[in-house]
PDB file of N, CA and C in Angstrom:
ATOM      1  N   MET A   1      72.312 113.374 141.498  1.00  0.00           N
ATOM      2  CA  MET A   1      72.203 114.582 140.725  1.00  0.00           C
ATOM      3  C   MET A   1      70.891 114.554 139.935  1.00  0.00           C
ATOM      4  N   SER A   2      70.137 115.618 140.034  1.00  0.00           N
ATOM      5  CA  SER A   2      68.861 115.705 139.333  1.00  0.00           C
ATOM      6  C   SER A   2      69.060 116.222 137.912  1.00  0.00           C
ATOM      7  N   THR A   3      68.282 115.673 137.025  1.00  0.00           N
ATOM      8  CA  THR A   3      68.326 116.167 135.652  1.00  0.00           C
ATOM      9  C   THR A   3      67.522 117.451 135.566  1.00  0.00           C
ATOM     10  N   GLU A   4      67.682 118.143 134.467  1.00  0.00           N
ATOM     11  CA  GLU A   4      66.949 119.390 134.264  1.00  0.00           C
ATOM     12  C   GLU A   4      65.440 119.134 134.259  1.00  0.00           C
ATOM     13  N   ALA A   5      65.028 118.024 133.682  1.00  0.00           N
ATOM     14  CA  ALA A   5      63.609 117.677 133.635  1.00  0.00           C
ATOM     15  C   ALA A   5      63.069 117.405 135.040  1.00  0.00           C
ATOM     16  N   GLU A   6      63.843 116.703 135.854  1.00  0.00           N
ATOM     17  CA  GLU A   6      63.413 116.424 137.232  1.00  0.00           C
ATOM     18  C   GLU A   6      63.300 117.708 138.032  1.00  0.00           C
ATOM     19  N   MET A   7      64.247 118.616 137.848  1.00  0.00           N
ATOM     20  CA  MET A   7      64.200 119.895 138.567  1.00  0.00           C
ATOM     21  C   MET A   7      62.984 120.706 138.120  1.00  0.00           C
ATOM     22  N   GLY A   8      62.683 120.677 136.834  1.00  0.00           N
ATOM     23  CA  GLY A   8      61.507 121.385 136.326  1.00  0.00           C
ATOM     24  C   GLY A   8      60.221 120.805 136.887  1.00  0.00           C
ATOM     25  N   TYR A   9      60.161 119.476 136.970  1.00  0.00           N
ATOM     26  CA  TYR A   9      58.994 118.794 137.529  1.00  0.00           C
ATOM     27  C   TYR A   9      58.815 119.164 138.989  1.00  0.00           C
ATOM     28  N   GLU A  10      59.889 119.137 139.767  1.00  0.00           N
ATOM     29  CA  GLU A  10      59.818 119.490 141.183  1.00  0.00           C
ATOM     30  C   GLU A  10      59.390 120.942 141.368  1.00  0.00           C
ATOM     31  N   ASP A  11      59.890 121.821 140.503  1.00  0.00           N
ATOM     32  CA  ASP A  11      59.511 123.227 140.574  1.00  0.00           C
ATOM     33  C   ASP A  11      58.030 123.403 140.265  1.00  0.00           C
ATOM     34  N   ALA A  12      57.525 122.688 139.274  1.00  0.00           N
ATOM     35  CA  ALA A  12      56.107 122.769 138.920  1.00  0.00           C
ATOM     36  C   ALA A  12      55.232 122.276 140.068  1.00  0.00           C
ATOM     37  N   ILE A  13      55.627 121.170 140.692  1.00  0.00           N
ATOM     38  CA  ILE A  13      54.880 120.640 141.842  1.00  0.00           C
ATOM     39  C   ILE A  13      54.864 121.673 142.970  1.00  0.00           C
ATOM     40  N   ARG A  14      56.009 122.277 143.227  1.00  0.00           N
ATOM     41  CA  ARG A  14      56.122 123.282 144.290  1.00  0.00           C
ATOM     42  C   ARG A  14      55.221 124.488 143.993  1.00  0.00           C
ATOM     43  N   GLN A  15      55.206 124.937 142.753  1.00  0.00           N
ATOM     44  CA  GLN A  15      54.384 126.089 142.379  1.00  0.00           C
ATOM     45  C   GLN A  15      52.890 125.776 142.503  1.00  0.00           C
ATOM     46  N   VAL A  16      52.475 124.604 142.061  1.00  0.00           N
ATOM     47  CA  VAL A  16      51.065 124.220 142.163  1.00  0.00           C
ATOM     48  C   VAL A  16      50.661 124.118 143.633  1.00  0.00           C
ATOM     49  N   THR A  17      51.507 123.502 144.438  1.00  0.00           N
ATOM     50  CA  THR A  17      51.218 123.367 145.865  1.00  0.00           C
ATOM     51  C   THR A  17      51.096 124.733 146.520  1.00  0.00           C
ATOM     52  N   LYS A  18      52.018 125.614 146.220  1.00  0.00           N
ATOM     53  CA  LYS A  18      52.001 126.958 146.807  1.00  0.00           C
ATOM     54  C   LYS A  18      50.734 127.718 146.409  1.00  0.00           C
ATOM     55  N   SER A  19      50.355 127.600 145.137  1.00  0.00           N
ATOM     56  CA  SER A  19      49.154 128.269 144.648  1.00  0.00           C
ATOM     57  C   SER A  19      47.896 127.741 145.348  1.00  0.00           C
ATOM     58  N   LEU A  20      47.796 126.426 145.482  1.00  0.00           N
ATOM     59  CA  LEU A  20      46.633 125.835 146.157  1.00  0.00           C
ATOM     60  C   LEU A  20      46.585 126.239 147.629  1.00  0.00           C
ATOM     61  N   GLN A  21      47.729 126.296 148.271  1.00  0.00           N
ATOM     62  CA  GLN A  21      47.757 126.707 149.671  1.00  0.00           C
ATOM     63  C   GLN A  21      47.345 128.166 149.829  1.00  0.00           C
ATOM     64  N   ARG A  22      47.779 129.029 148.910  1.00  0.00           N
ATOM     65  CA  ARG A  22      47.353 130.439 148.955  1.00  0.00           C
ATOM     66  C   ARG A  22      45.839 130.541 148.786  1.00  0.00           C
ATOM     67  N   ARG A  23      45.300 129.781 147.840  1.00  0.00           N
ATOM     68  CA  ARG A  23      43.843 129.795 147.604  1.00  0.00           C
ATOM     69  C   ARG A  23      43.101 129.307 148.834  1.00  0.00           C
ATOM     70  N   ARG A  24      43.612 128.255 149.455  1.00  0.00           N
ATOM     71  CA  ARG A  24      42.986 127.713 150.659  1.00  0.00           C
ATOM     72  C   ARG A  24      42.983 128.763 151.776  1.00  0.00           C
ATOM     73  N   ASN A  25      44.109 129.436 151.969  1.00  0.00           N
ATOM     74  CA  ASN A  25      44.195 130.465 153.000  1.00  0.00           C
ATOM     75  C   ASN A  25      43.235 131.618 152.725  1.00  0.00           C
ATOM     76  N   ALA A  26      43.128 132.014 151.463  1.00  0.00           N
ATOM     77  CA  ALA A  26      42.207 133.096 151.095  1.00  0.00           C
ATOM     78  C   ALA A  26      40.763 132.696 151.396  1.00  0.00           C
ATOM     79  N   LEU A  27      40.410 131.461 151.077  1.00  0.00           N
ATOM     80  CA  LEU A  27      39.056 130.985 151.367  1.00  0.00           C
ATOM     81  C   LEU A  27      38.789 130.953 152.873  1.00  0.00           C
ATOM     82  N   MET A  28      39.773 130.537 153.640  1.00  0.00           N
ATOM     83  CA  MET A  28      39.606 130.482 155.096  1.00  0.00           C
ATOM     84  C   MET A  28      39.380 131.883 155.664  1.00  0.00           C
ATOM     85  N   GLU A  29      40.101 132.856 155.145  1.00  0.00           N
ATOM     86  CA  GLU A  29      39.913 134.234 155.591  1.00  0.00           C
ATOM     87  C   GLU A  29      38.520 134.738 155.212  1.00  0.00           C
ATOM     88  N   THR A  30      38.062 134.388 154.030  1.00  0.00           N
ATOM     89  CA  THR A  30      36.733 134.784 153.587  1.00  0.00           C
ATOM     90  C   THR A  30      35.659 134.160 154.474  1.00  0.00           C
ATOM     91  N   ALA A  31      35.853 132.923 154.860  1.00  0.00           N
ATOM     92  CA  ALA A  31      34.886 132.238 155.726  1.00  0.00           C
ATOM     93  C   ALA A  31      34.780 132.937 157.077  1.00  0.00           C
ATOM     94  N   GLU A  32      35.898 133.423 157.576  1.00  0.00           N
ATOM     95  CA  GLU A  32      35.885 134.140 158.858  1.00  0.00           C
ATOM     96  C   GLU A  32      35.128 135.466 158.737  1.00  0.00           C
ATOM     97  N   LYS A  33      35.258 136.115 157.585  1.00  0.00           N
ATOM     98  CA  LYS A  33      34.621 137.420 157.372  1.00  0.00           C
ATOM     99  C   LYS A  33      33.145 137.295 157.010  1.00  0.00           C
ATOM    100  N   ASP A  34      32.752 136.198 156.389  1.00  0.00           N
ATOM    101  CA  ASP A  34      31.389 136.024 155.899  1.00  0.00           C
ATOM    102  C   ASP A  34      30.831 134.664 156.330  1.00  0.00           C
ATOM    103  N   PRO A  35      30.361 134.569 157.588  1.00  0.00           N
ATOM    104  CA  PRO A  35      29.869 133.280 158.096  1.00  0.00           C
ATOM    105  C   PRO A  35      28.663 132.724 157.327  1.00  0.00           C
ATOM    106  N   THR A  36      27.937 133.575 156.606  1.00  0.00           N
ATOM    107  CA  THR A  36      26.764 133.097 155.872  1.00  0.00           C
ATOM    108  C   THR A  36      27.157 132.185 154.715  1.00  0.00           C
ATOM    109  N   ARG A  37      28.382 132.313 154.220  1.00  0.00           N
ATOM    110  CA  ARG A  37      28.856 131.485 153.112  1.00  0.00           C
ATOM    111  C   ARG A  37      29.806 130.384 153.586  1.00  0.00           C
ATOM    112  N   ALA A  38      29.857 130.174 154.884  1.00  0.00           N
ATOM    113  CA  ALA A  38      30.823 129.238 155.463  1.00  0.00           C
ATOM    114  C   ALA A  38      30.667 127.818 154.912  1.00  0.00           C
ATOM    115  N   ALA A  39      29.447 127.343 154.736  1.00  0.00           N
ATOM    116  CA  ALA A  39      29.231 125.981 154.236  1.00  0.00           C
ATOM    117  C   ALA A  39      29.759 125.838 152.805  1.00  0.00           C
ATOM    118  N   PHE A  40      29.465 126.819 151.968  1.00  0.00           N
ATOM    119  CA  PHE A  40      29.950 126.800 150.591  1.00  0.00           C
ATOM    120  C   PHE A  40      31.477 126.831 150.564  1.00  0.00           C
ATOM    121  N   ILE A  41      32.047 127.695 151.370  1.00  0.00           N
ATOM    122  CA  ILE A  41      33.506 127.834 151.415  1.00  0.00           C
ATOM    123  C   ILE A  41      34.147 126.561 151.956  1.00  0.00           C
ATOM    124  N   ALA A  42      33.519 125.937 152.935  1.00  0.00           N
ATOM    125  CA  ALA A  42      34.052 124.683 153.491  1.00  0.00           C
ATOM    126  C   ALA A  42      34.145 123.604 152.410  1.00  0.00           C
ATOM    127  N   GLU A  43      33.168 123.562 151.528  1.00  0.00           N
ATOM    128  CA  GLU A  43      33.214 122.597 150.412  1.00  0.00           C
ATOM    129  C   GLU A  43      34.394 122.879 149.493  1.00  0.00           C
ATOM    130  N   ARG A  44      34.616 124.146 149.185  1.00  0.00           N
ATOM    131  CA  ARG A  44      35.748 124.515 148.327  1.00  0.00           C
ATOM    132  C   ARG A  44      37.074 124.162 149.003  1.00  0.00           C
ATOM    133  N   VAL A  45      37.158 124.387 150.304  1.00  0.00           N
ATOM    134  CA  VAL A  45      38.382 124.067 151.041  1.00  0.00           C
ATOM    135  C   VAL A  45      38.635 122.558 150.999  1.00  0.00           C
ATOM    136  N   GLU A  46      37.575 121.776 151.142  1.00  0.00           N
ATOM    137  CA  GLU A  46      37.728 120.315 151.057  1.00  0.00           C
ATOM    138  C   GLU A  46      38.230 119.900 149.676  1.00  0.00           C
ATOM    139  N   GLU A  47      37.738 120.550 148.642  1.00  0.00           N
ATOM    140  CA  GLU A  47      38.196 120.243 147.286  1.00  0.00           C
ATOM    141  C   GLU A  47      39.682 120.571 147.130  1.00  0.00           C
ATOM    142  N   ILE A  48      40.081 121.703 147.667  1.00  0.00           N
ATOM    143  CA  ILE A  48      41.488 122.091 147.593  1.00  0.00           C
ATOM    144  C   ILE A  48      42.349 121.110 148.387  1.00  0.00           C
ATOM    145  N   ASP A  49      41.875 120.696 149.556  1.00  0.00           N
ATOM    146  CA  ASP A  49      42.616 119.705 150.344  1.00  0.00           C
ATOM    147  C   ASP A  49      42.804 118.411 149.553  1.00  0.00           C
ATOM    148  N   HIS A  50      41.767 118.019 148.839  1.00  0.00           N
ATOM    149  CA  HIS A  50      41.853 116.815 148.014  1.00  0.00           C
ATOM    150  C   HIS A  50      42.888 116.999 146.895  1.00  0.00           C
ATOM    151  N   LEU A  51      42.861 118.153 146.260  1.00  0.00           N
ATOM    152  CA  LEU A  51      43.842 118.434 145.209  1.00  0.00           C
ATOM    153  C   LEU A  51      45.265 118.433 145.769  1.00  0.00           C
ATOM    154  N   LEU A  52      45.433 118.981 146.961  1.00  0.00           N
ATOM    155  CA  LEU A  52      46.754 118.965 147.587  1.00  0.00           C
ATOM    156  C   LEU A  52      47.231 117.536 147.841  1.00  0.00           C
ATOM    157  N   GLN A  53      46.313 116.665 148.224  1.00  0.00           N
ATOM    158  CA  GLN A  53      46.670 115.262 148.428  1.00  0.00           C
ATOM    159  C   GLN A  53      47.103 114.616 147.108  1.00  0.00           C
ATOM    160  N   ILE A  54      46.399 114.941 146.047  1.00  0.00           N
ATOM    161  CA  ILE A  54      46.750 114.400 144.729  1.00  0.00           C
ATOM    162  C   ILE A  54      48.132 114.885 144.313  1.00  0.00           C
ATOM    163  N   VAL A  55      48.385 116.175 144.475  1.00  0.00           N
ATOM    164  CA  VAL A  55      49.685 116.732 144.110  1.00  0.00           C
ATOM    165  C   VAL A  55      50.789 116.085 144.951  1.00  0.00           C
ATOM    166  N   GLU A  56      50.524 115.893 146.226  1.00  0.00           N
ATOM    167  CA  GLU A  56      51.513 115.248 147.102  1.00  0.00           C
ATOM    168  C   GLU A  56      51.804 113.828 146.620  1.00  0.00           C
ATOM    169  N   SER A  57      50.784 113.115 146.160  1.00  0.00           N
ATOM    170  CA  SER A  57      51.003 111.750 145.672  1.00  0.00           C
ATOM    171  C   SER A  57      51.832 111.750 144.381  1.00  0.00           C
ATOM    172  N   LEU A  58      51.723 112.803 143.585  1.00  0.00           N
ATOM    173  CA  LEU A  58      52.528 112.913 142.368  1.00  0.00           C
ATOM    174  C   LEU A  58      54.000 113.146 142.703  1.00  0.00           C
ATOM    175  N   HIS A  59      54.219 113.786 143.821  1.00  0.00           N
ATOM    176  CA  HIS A  59      55.575 114.141 144.236  1.00  0.00           C
ATOM    177  C   HIS A  59      56.390 112.904 144.613  1.00  0.00           C
ATOM    178  N   ARG A  60      55.728 111.857 145.063  1.00  0.00           N
ATOM    179  CA  ARG A  60      56.425 110.639 145.494  1.00  0.00           C
ATOM    180  C   ARG A  60      56.904 109.904 144.334  1.00  0.00           C
TER     181      ARG A  60
END
């Protein structure tokens, strides 16, 4: 049985992950529409991927 604090923590992790994934998807769509900024956007996507890895490590 999870405590209220554990459930809140899991919910926060889920919300942060969902937000980062939405941002990543938005950047990917922008890269498809604007190839001139693709290199800049690729860097941002890599940063988001790194943040997702960090959040995943917190979940364990």
